[in-house]
Amino acid sequence: MILSPLQLSSVAKSYYEGSIPKNTYGMEKYVATDGENAMFVKSDYQPAPGEVVFYIKRMRSELYCQLYKES
């Protein structure tokens, strides 16, 4: 099943929230995901087919999530 970028962003945000304490603001991370697995990566990571990379940052009490790279 192919997931949309919106569905993939949900996986990436869940990974970020589970890995970074909620009271940490301004923590910028790149998260690669294929919809099932996720991991933090550097900005120069080249996603494999079926993967995408999101830029995620917590600002105030909200998460900012932007599609950064697609395969």
N, C-alpha and C. Protein backbone atom coordinates (compact mmCIF):
# COMPACT_ATOMS: atom_id res chain seq x y z
N MET A 1 0.84 -1.18 0.00
CA MET A 1 0.00 0.00 0.00
C MET A 1 0.88 1.25 0.00
N ILE A 2 0.63 2.16 -0.91
CA ILE A 2 1.39 3.39 -1.00
C ILE A 2 0.72 4.44 -0.13
N LEU A 3 1.53 5.08 0.73
CA LEU A 3 1.01 6.10 1.63
C LEU A 3 1.25 7.49 1.05
N SER A 4 0.33 8.39 1.31
CA SER A 4 0.47 9.77 0.86
C SER A 4 1.47 10.50 1.76
N PRO A 5 1.99 11.65 1.30
CA PRO A 5 2.87 12.44 2.16
C PRO A 5 2.21 12.84 3.48
N LEU A 6 0.92 13.09 3.47
CA LEU A 6 0.21 13.43 4.70
C LEU A 6 0.24 12.27 5.69
N GLN A 7 0.01 11.06 5.20
CA GLN A 7 0.05 9.87 6.06
C GLN A 7 1.48 9.63 6.57
N LEU A 8 2.46 9.81 5.70
CA LEU A 8 3.85 9.62 6.10
C LEU A 8 4.27 10.66 7.13
N SER A 9 3.76 11.88 7.02
CA SER A 9 4.11 12.91 8.00
C SER A 9 3.62 12.54 9.39
N SER A 10 2.50 11.85 9.47
CA SER A 10 1.98 11.41 10.76
C SER A 10 2.94 10.41 11.42
N VAL A 11 3.50 9.52 10.63
CA VAL A 11 4.48 8.56 11.15
C VAL A 11 5.73 9.30 11.63
N ALA A 12 6.21 10.25 10.84
CA ALA A 12 7.41 11.00 11.20
C ALA A 12 7.19 11.83 12.47
N LYS A 13 6.03 12.48 12.59
CA LYS A 13 5.74 13.28 13.78
C LYS A 13 5.63 12.40 15.02
N SER A 14 5.03 11.23 14.88
CA SER A 14 4.92 10.31 16.02
C SER A 14 6.30 9.86 16.48
N TYR A 15 7.18 9.59 15.53
CA TYR A 15 8.55 9.19 15.87
C TYR A 15 9.27 10.32 16.61
N TYR A 16 9.16 11.53 16.09
CA TYR A 16 9.78 12.70 16.72
C TYR A 16 9.25 12.87 18.14
N GLU A 17 7.94 12.85 18.30
CA GLU A 17 7.33 13.06 19.62
C GLU A 17 7.73 11.97 20.61
N GLY A 18 7.92 10.75 20.13
CA GLY A 18 8.32 9.67 21.01
C GLY A 18 9.79 9.68 21.37
N SER A 19 10.59 10.47 20.64
CA SER A 19 12.03 10.49 20.85
C SER A 19 12.56 11.76 21.51
N ILE A 20 11.82 12.84 21.40
CA ILE A 20 12.25 14.15 21.92
C ILE A 20 11.32 14.54 23.06
N PRO A 21 11.87 14.94 24.23
CA PRO A 21 11.01 15.37 25.34
C PRO A 21 10.10 16.53 24.91
N LYS A 22 8.86 16.51 25.37
CA LYS A 22 7.87 17.51 24.96
C LYS A 22 8.21 18.93 25.40
N ASN A 23 9.04 19.08 26.42
CA ASN A 23 9.39 20.42 26.89
C ASN A 23 10.65 20.96 26.20
N THR A 24 11.10 20.30 25.14
CA THR A 24 12.26 20.75 24.37
C THR A 24 11.77 21.53 23.16
N TYR A 25 12.03 22.81 23.15
CA TYR A 25 11.57 23.66 22.05
C TYR A 25 12.73 24.03 21.14
N GLY A 26 12.45 24.19 19.86
CA GLY A 26 13.46 24.58 18.90
C GLY A 26 14.34 23.45 18.43
N MET A 27 14.09 22.23 18.86
CA MET A 27 14.89 21.08 18.44
C MET A 27 14.52 20.71 17.01
N GLU A 28 15.43 20.94 16.09
CA GLU A 28 15.20 20.68 14.67
C GLU A 28 15.77 19.32 14.30
N LYS A 29 14.96 18.49 13.66
CA LYS A 29 15.40 17.16 13.25
C LYS A 29 14.86 16.84 11.87
N TYR A 30 15.60 16.01 11.16
CA TYR A 30 15.14 15.44 9.90
C TYR A 30 14.78 13.99 10.18
N VAL A 31 13.61 13.57 9.76
CA VAL A 31 13.14 12.22 10.01
C VAL A 31 12.83 11.56 8.66
N ALA A 32 13.47 10.42 8.42
CA ALA A 32 13.18 9.63 7.22
C ALA A 32 12.20 8.54 7.62
N THR A 33 11.24 8.27 6.74
CA THR A 33 10.28 7.21 7.00
C THR A 33 9.80 6.58 5.70
N ASP A 34 9.43 5.31 5.82
CA ASP A 34 8.80 4.60 4.70
C ASP A 34 7.34 4.29 5.05
N GLY A 35 6.87 4.81 6.16
CA GLY A 35 5.51 4.58 6.62
C GLY A 35 5.42 3.53 7.70
N GLU A 36 6.44 2.69 7.79
CA GLU A 36 6.48 1.65 8.82
C GLU A 36 7.62 1.90 9.79
N ASN A 37 8.76 2.28 9.25
CA ASN A 37 9.96 2.55 10.04
C ASN A 37 10.30 4.03 9.92
N ALA A 38 11.01 4.54 10.93
CA ALA A 38 11.44 5.93 10.91
C ALA A 38 12.76 6.05 11.65
N MET A 39 13.55 7.06 11.27
CA MET A 39 14.80 7.33 11.98
C MET A 39 15.23 8.77 11.71
N PHE A 40 16.02 9.31 12.64
CA PHE A 40 16.60 10.63 12.45
C PHE A 40 17.72 10.50 11.43
N VAL A 41 17.82 11.48 10.54
CA VAL A 41 18.87 11.49 9.52
C VAL A 41 19.43 12.91 9.42
N LYS A 42 20.55 13.04 8.71
CA LYS A 42 21.12 14.35 8.43
C LYS A 42 20.44 14.94 7.21
N SER A 43 20.58 16.23 7.02
CA SER A 43 19.89 16.91 5.92
C SER A 43 20.35 16.45 4.54
N ASP A 44 21.53 15.86 4.43
CA ASP A 44 22.02 15.40 3.14
C ASP A 44 21.65 13.95 2.82
N TYR A 45 20.86 13.33 3.68
CA TYR A 45 20.43 11.94 3.45
C TYR A 45 19.60 11.86 2.17
N GLN A 46 19.92 10.88 1.34
CA GLN A 46 19.17 10.65 0.11
C GLN A 46 18.18 9.51 0.34
N PRO A 47 16.89 9.78 0.34
CA PRO A 47 15.91 8.73 0.63
C PRO A 47 15.89 7.66 -0.46
N ALA A 48 15.74 6.43 -0.04
CA ALA A 48 15.62 5.28 -0.95
C ALA A 48 14.21 5.29 -1.54
N PRO A 49 13.98 4.53 -2.59
CA PRO A 49 12.63 4.45 -3.15
C PRO A 49 11.61 4.07 -2.08
N GLY A 50 10.52 4.83 -2.02
CA GLY A 50 9.48 4.58 -1.03
C GLY A 50 9.66 5.33 0.27
N GLU A 51 10.79 6.03 0.42
CA GLU A 51 11.06 6.82 1.62
C GLU A 51 10.87 8.30 1.35
N VAL A 52 10.61 9.04 2.40
CA VAL A 52 10.59 10.50 2.36
C VAL A 52 11.29 11.01 3.61
N VAL A 53 11.74 12.26 3.54
CA VAL A 53 12.39 12.91 4.67
C VAL A 53 11.58 14.15 5.03
N PHE A 54 11.30 14.30 6.32
CA PHE A 54 10.57 15.46 6.82
C PHE A 54 11.48 16.26 7.74
N TYR A 55 11.33 17.58 7.69
CA TYR A 55 11.98 18.49 8.62
C TYR A 55 10.94 18.77 9.70
N ILE A 56 11.32 18.51 10.96
CA ILE A 56 10.36 18.68 12.06
C ILE A 56 11.00 19.52 13.16
N LYS A 57 10.20 20.43 13.70
CA LYS A 57 10.66 21.31 14.78
C LYS A 57 9.49 21.60 15.69
N ARG A 58 9.75 21.62 17.00
CA ARG A 58 8.72 22.01 17.96
C ARG A 58 8.86 23.50 18.22
N MET A 59 7.76 24.22 17.97
CA MET A 59 7.72 25.66 18.23
C MET A 59 6.55 25.92 19.17
N ARG A 60 6.89 26.50 20.31
CA ARG A 60 5.92 26.66 21.38
C ARG A 60 5.39 25.27 21.74
N SER A 61 4.10 25.05 21.66
CA SER A 61 3.60 23.72 22.01
C SER A 61 3.17 22.93 20.78
N GLU A 62 3.46 23.44 19.59
CA GLU A 62 3.05 22.80 18.34
C GLU A 62 4.24 22.24 17.58
N LEU A 63 3.98 21.21 16.79
CA LEU A 63 5.01 20.66 15.91
C LEU A 63 4.87 21.28 14.53
N TYR A 64 6.00 21.67 13.97
CA TYR A 64 6.07 22.15 12.60
C TYR A 64 6.68 21.01 11.80
N CYS A 65 6.01 20.59 10.75
CA CYS A 65 6.47 19.45 9.94
C CYS A 65 6.39 19.85 8.46
N GLN A 66 7.52 19.69 7.77
CA GLN A 66 7.59 20.06 6.37
C GLN A 66 8.22 18.92 5.57
N LEU A 67 7.63 18.59 4.44
CA LEU A 67 8.23 17.60 3.54
C LEU A 67 9.54 18.19 3.03
N TYR A 68 10.63 17.47 3.22
CA TYR A 68 11.96 17.98 2.86
C TYR A 68 12.46 17.35 1.56
N LYS A 69 12.38 16.00 1.47
CA LYS A 69 12.85 15.29 0.28
C LYS A 69 11.99 14.07 0.04
N GLU A 70 11.78 13.77 -1.24
CA GLU A 70 11.11 12.53 -1.64
C GLU A 70 12.10 11.70 -2.43
N SER A 71 11.87 10.41 -2.50
CA SER A 71 12.74 9.55 -3.31
C SER A 71 12.41 9.66 -4.77
